[in-house]
Amino acid sequence: MGRNKYRKELKSRIALDAIKSHKTIAELASEYEVKWTPSVV
């Protein structure tokens, strides 16, 4: 299964929304209908 590729415009819109708002990553992923899986470092 390959990774999804998102347009630069969508990525920047999500990043700006994340900076401006106090939403969690999960909330932003749900709002923009993108899959988010936490990475373990």
C-alpha atoms as a PDB file:
ATOM      1  CA  MET A   1       0.000   0.000   0.000  1.00  0.00           C
ATOM      2  CA  GLY A   2       1.489   3.325  -1.067  1.00  0.00           C
ATOM      3  CA  ARG A   3       1.528   6.599   0.777  1.00  0.00           C
ATOM      4  CA  ASN A   4      -0.978   9.306  -0.025  1.00  0.00           C
ATOM      5  CA  LYS A   5       0.389  12.375  -1.765  1.00  0.00           C
ATOM      6  CA  TYR A   6      -1.158  15.688  -0.829  1.00  0.00           C
ATOM      7  CA  ARG A   7      -0.847  18.957  -2.705  1.00  0.00           C
ATOM      8  CA  LYS A   8       1.386  21.679  -1.326  1.00  0.00           C
ATOM      9  CA  GLU A   9      -1.603  23.989  -0.953  1.00  0.00           C
ATOM     10  CA  LEU A  10      -3.409  21.517   1.311  1.00  0.00           C
ATOM     11  CA  LYS A  11      -0.306  20.928   3.413  1.00  0.00           C
ATOM     12  CA  SER A  12       0.266  24.645   3.907  1.00  0.00           C
ATOM     13  CA  ARG A  13      -3.418  25.264   4.735  1.00  0.00           C
ATOM     14  CA  ILE A  14      -3.325  22.542   7.406  1.00  0.00           C
ATOM     15  CA  ALA A  15      -0.039  23.873   8.800  1.00  0.00           C
ATOM     16  CA  LEU A  16      -1.397  27.432   9.049  1.00  0.00           C
ATOM     17  CA  ASP A  17      -4.589  26.196  10.684  1.00  0.00           C
ATOM     18  CA  ALA A  18      -2.521  24.223  13.183  1.00  0.00           C
ATOM     19  CA  ILE A  19      -0.507  27.321  14.073  1.00  0.00           C
ATOM     20  CA  LYS A  20      -3.566  29.592  14.395  1.00  0.00           C
ATOM     21  CA  SER A  21      -5.863  27.248  16.287  1.00  0.00           C
ATOM     22  CA  HIS A  22      -5.686  25.188  19.429  1.00  0.00           C
ATOM     23  CA  LYS A  23      -6.864  22.009  17.722  1.00  0.00           C
ATOM     24  CA  THR A  24      -5.169  18.669  18.161  1.00  0.00           C
ATOM     25  CA  ILE A  25      -3.537  16.870  15.262  1.00  0.00           C
ATOM     26  CA  ALA A  26      -6.347  14.312  15.336  1.00  0.00           C
ATOM     27  CA  GLU A  27      -8.965  17.081  15.089  1.00  0.00           C
ATOM     28  CA  LEU A  28      -7.182  18.681  12.136  1.00  0.00           C
ATOM     29  CA  ALA A  29      -6.809  15.329  10.378  1.00  0.00           C
ATOM     30  CA  SER A  30     -10.510  14.656  10.815  1.00  0.00           C
ATOM     31  CA  GLU A  31     -11.486  18.130   9.617  1.00  0.00           C
ATOM     32  CA  TYR A  32      -9.337  17.901   6.471  1.00  0.00           C
ATOM     33  CA  GLU A  33     -10.152  14.202   5.934  1.00  0.00           C
ATOM     34  CA  VAL A  34      -6.536  13.046   5.959  1.00  0.00           C
ATOM     35  CA  LYS A  35      -5.127  10.004   7.696  1.00  0.00           C
ATOM     36  CA  TRP A  36      -2.863  10.636  10.642  1.00  0.00           C
ATOM     37  CA  THR A  37      -0.924   7.965  12.445  1.00  0.00           C
ATOM     38  CA  PRO A  38       1.376   8.884  15.287  1.00  0.00           C
ATOM     39  CA  SER A  39       4.988   7.990  14.671  1.00  0.00           C
ATOM     40  CA  VAL A  40       7.072   6.503  17.404  1.00  0.00           C
ATOM     41  CA  VAL A  41      10.537   7.959  17.620  1.00  0.00           C
END
